[in-house]
């Protein structure tokens, strides 16, 4: 899914999970910040990578293991959850309305 969003935003680079570097930045129509929070703990770890600057940046922040940062994610966060459902996949999207209508 991350690769598809990045491609849709014009990222030409090969998109890989940033597991060991935590954050990988890509250039596209907008900057794309690909964040993997698997190795981080709540609180000080987020501050040490400048997590707020990515959330408040001028690009799109795509986060793997985002539930680890639930307390610090902005209200306008769009959450996409994927799971296996029988023989297929289930995709749930939440928060889209709030993101499209800020301030309401």
Protein backbone atom coordinates (compact mmCIF):
# COMPACT_ATOMS: atom_id res chain seq x y z
CA UNK A 1 0.00 0.00 0.00
CA UNK A 2 2.84 2.43 0.85
CA UNK A 3 4.41 1.80 -2.55
CA UNK A 4 1.11 2.56 -4.28
CA UNK A 5 0.55 5.84 -2.44
CA UNK A 6 4.15 6.90 -3.12
CA UNK A 7 3.80 6.03 -6.82
CA UNK A 8 0.54 8.00 -6.96
CA UNK A 9 2.42 10.99 -5.56
CA UNK A 10 5.06 10.71 -8.29
CA UNK A 11 7.86 9.06 -6.29
CA UNK A 12 10.25 7.47 -8.82
CA UNK A 13 12.57 5.82 -6.27
CA UNK A 14 12.23 2.22 -5.11
CA UNK A 15 10.18 2.37 -1.89
CA UNK A 16 11.31 -0.02 0.85
CA UNK A 17 10.37 -0.38 4.50
CA UNK A 18 12.55 1.93 6.61
CA UNK A 19 12.74 -0.55 9.53
CA UNK A 20 16.35 0.14 10.47
CA UNK A 21 16.47 3.85 9.63
CA UNK A 22 12.97 4.57 11.05
CA UNK A 23 12.17 7.31 8.48
CA UNK A 24 12.84 7.46 4.75
CA UNK A 25 12.02 10.61 2.78
CA UNK A 26 11.09 10.54 -0.90
CA UNK A 27 10.60 13.35 -3.41
CA UNK A 28 7.34 13.42 -5.35
CA UNK A 29 4.59 15.95 -6.06
CA UNK A 30 4.70 16.37 -2.27
CA UNK A 31 7.44 15.13 0.05
CA UNK A 32 6.64 11.60 1.25
CA UNK A 33 7.78 10.62 4.75
CA UNK A 34 7.69 6.82 5.19
CA UNK A 35 7.91 6.04 8.91
CA UNK A 36 8.21 2.60 10.53
CA UNK A 37 7.54 2.76 14.29
CA UNK A 38 8.05 -0.94 15.01
CA UNK A 39 11.34 -0.36 16.85
CA UNK A 40 10.20 2.69 18.83
CA UNK A 41 8.56 3.02 22.23
CA UNK A 42 6.03 5.69 23.13
CA UNK A 43 7.25 9.05 24.38
CA UNK A 44 10.88 10.05 24.16
CA UNK A 45 11.66 7.88 21.12
CA UNK A 46 9.22 9.93 19.05
CA UNK A 47 10.90 13.14 20.14
CA UNK A 48 14.36 11.78 19.30
CA UNK A 49 13.44 11.24 15.61
CA UNK A 50 11.65 14.60 15.32
CA UNK A 51 8.32 12.86 14.75
CA UNK A 52 6.35 16.12 15.13
CA UNK A 53 8.29 17.73 12.28
CA UNK A 54 7.14 14.96 9.93
CA UNK A 55 3.52 15.19 11.09
CA UNK A 56 3.55 18.98 10.77
CA UNK A 57 5.59 18.98 7.55
CA UNK A 58 4.50 20.00 4.10
CA UNK A 59 4.23 16.44 2.81
CA UNK A 60 2.45 13.16 3.35
CA UNK A 61 3.42 11.06 6.36
CA UNK A 62 2.83 7.31 5.83
CA UNK A 63 3.25 5.37 9.07
CA UNK A 64 3.69 1.65 9.65
CA UNK A 65 2.84 0.46 13.19
CA UNK A 66 1.01 3.77 13.75
CA UNK A 67 -0.83 2.38 16.79
CA UNK A 68 2.40 2.96 18.71
CA UNK A 69 1.93 6.71 18.17
CA UNK A 70 -1.83 6.87 18.65
CA UNK A 71 -1.56 9.44 21.47
CA UNK A 72 0.41 11.92 19.37
CA UNK A 73 -1.28 11.61 15.97
CA UNK A 74 -3.22 14.71 14.88
CA UNK A 75 -7.03 14.75 14.71
CA UNK A 76 -6.85 14.94 10.90
CA UNK A 77 -5.12 11.54 10.67
CA UNK A 78 -6.52 9.16 8.07
CA UNK A 79 -6.23 5.59 9.33
CA UNK A 80 -6.05 2.72 6.86
CA UNK A 81 -6.10 -0.76 8.36
CA UNK A 82 -5.61 -3.91 6.33
CA UNK A 83 -6.40 -7.42 7.51
CA UNK A 84 -7.04 -10.89 6.14
CA UNK A 85 -10.73 -11.68 5.83
CA UNK A 86 -11.35 -15.28 4.83
CA UNK A 87 -9.72 -15.73 1.43
CA UNK A 88 -9.42 -12.02 0.77
CA UNK A 89 -8.35 -8.78 2.40
CA UNK A 90 -10.33 -6.25 4.36
CA UNK A 91 -9.45 -2.57 4.14
CA UNK A 92 -10.91 -0.08 6.62
CA UNK A 93 -10.50 3.68 6.21
CA UNK A 94 -11.33 6.05 9.08
CA UNK A 95 -10.89 9.79 9.53
CA UNK A 96 -11.19 10.73 5.88
CA UNK A 97 -14.09 13.12 6.46
CA UNK A 98 -12.23 15.00 9.22
CA UNK A 99 -9.13 15.30 7.02
CA UNK A 100 -11.11 16.66 4.07
CA UNK A 101 -13.04 19.17 6.22
CA UNK A 102 -10.50 20.61 8.66
CA UNK A 103 -11.88 22.82 11.37
CA UNK A 104 -15.37 21.34 11.30
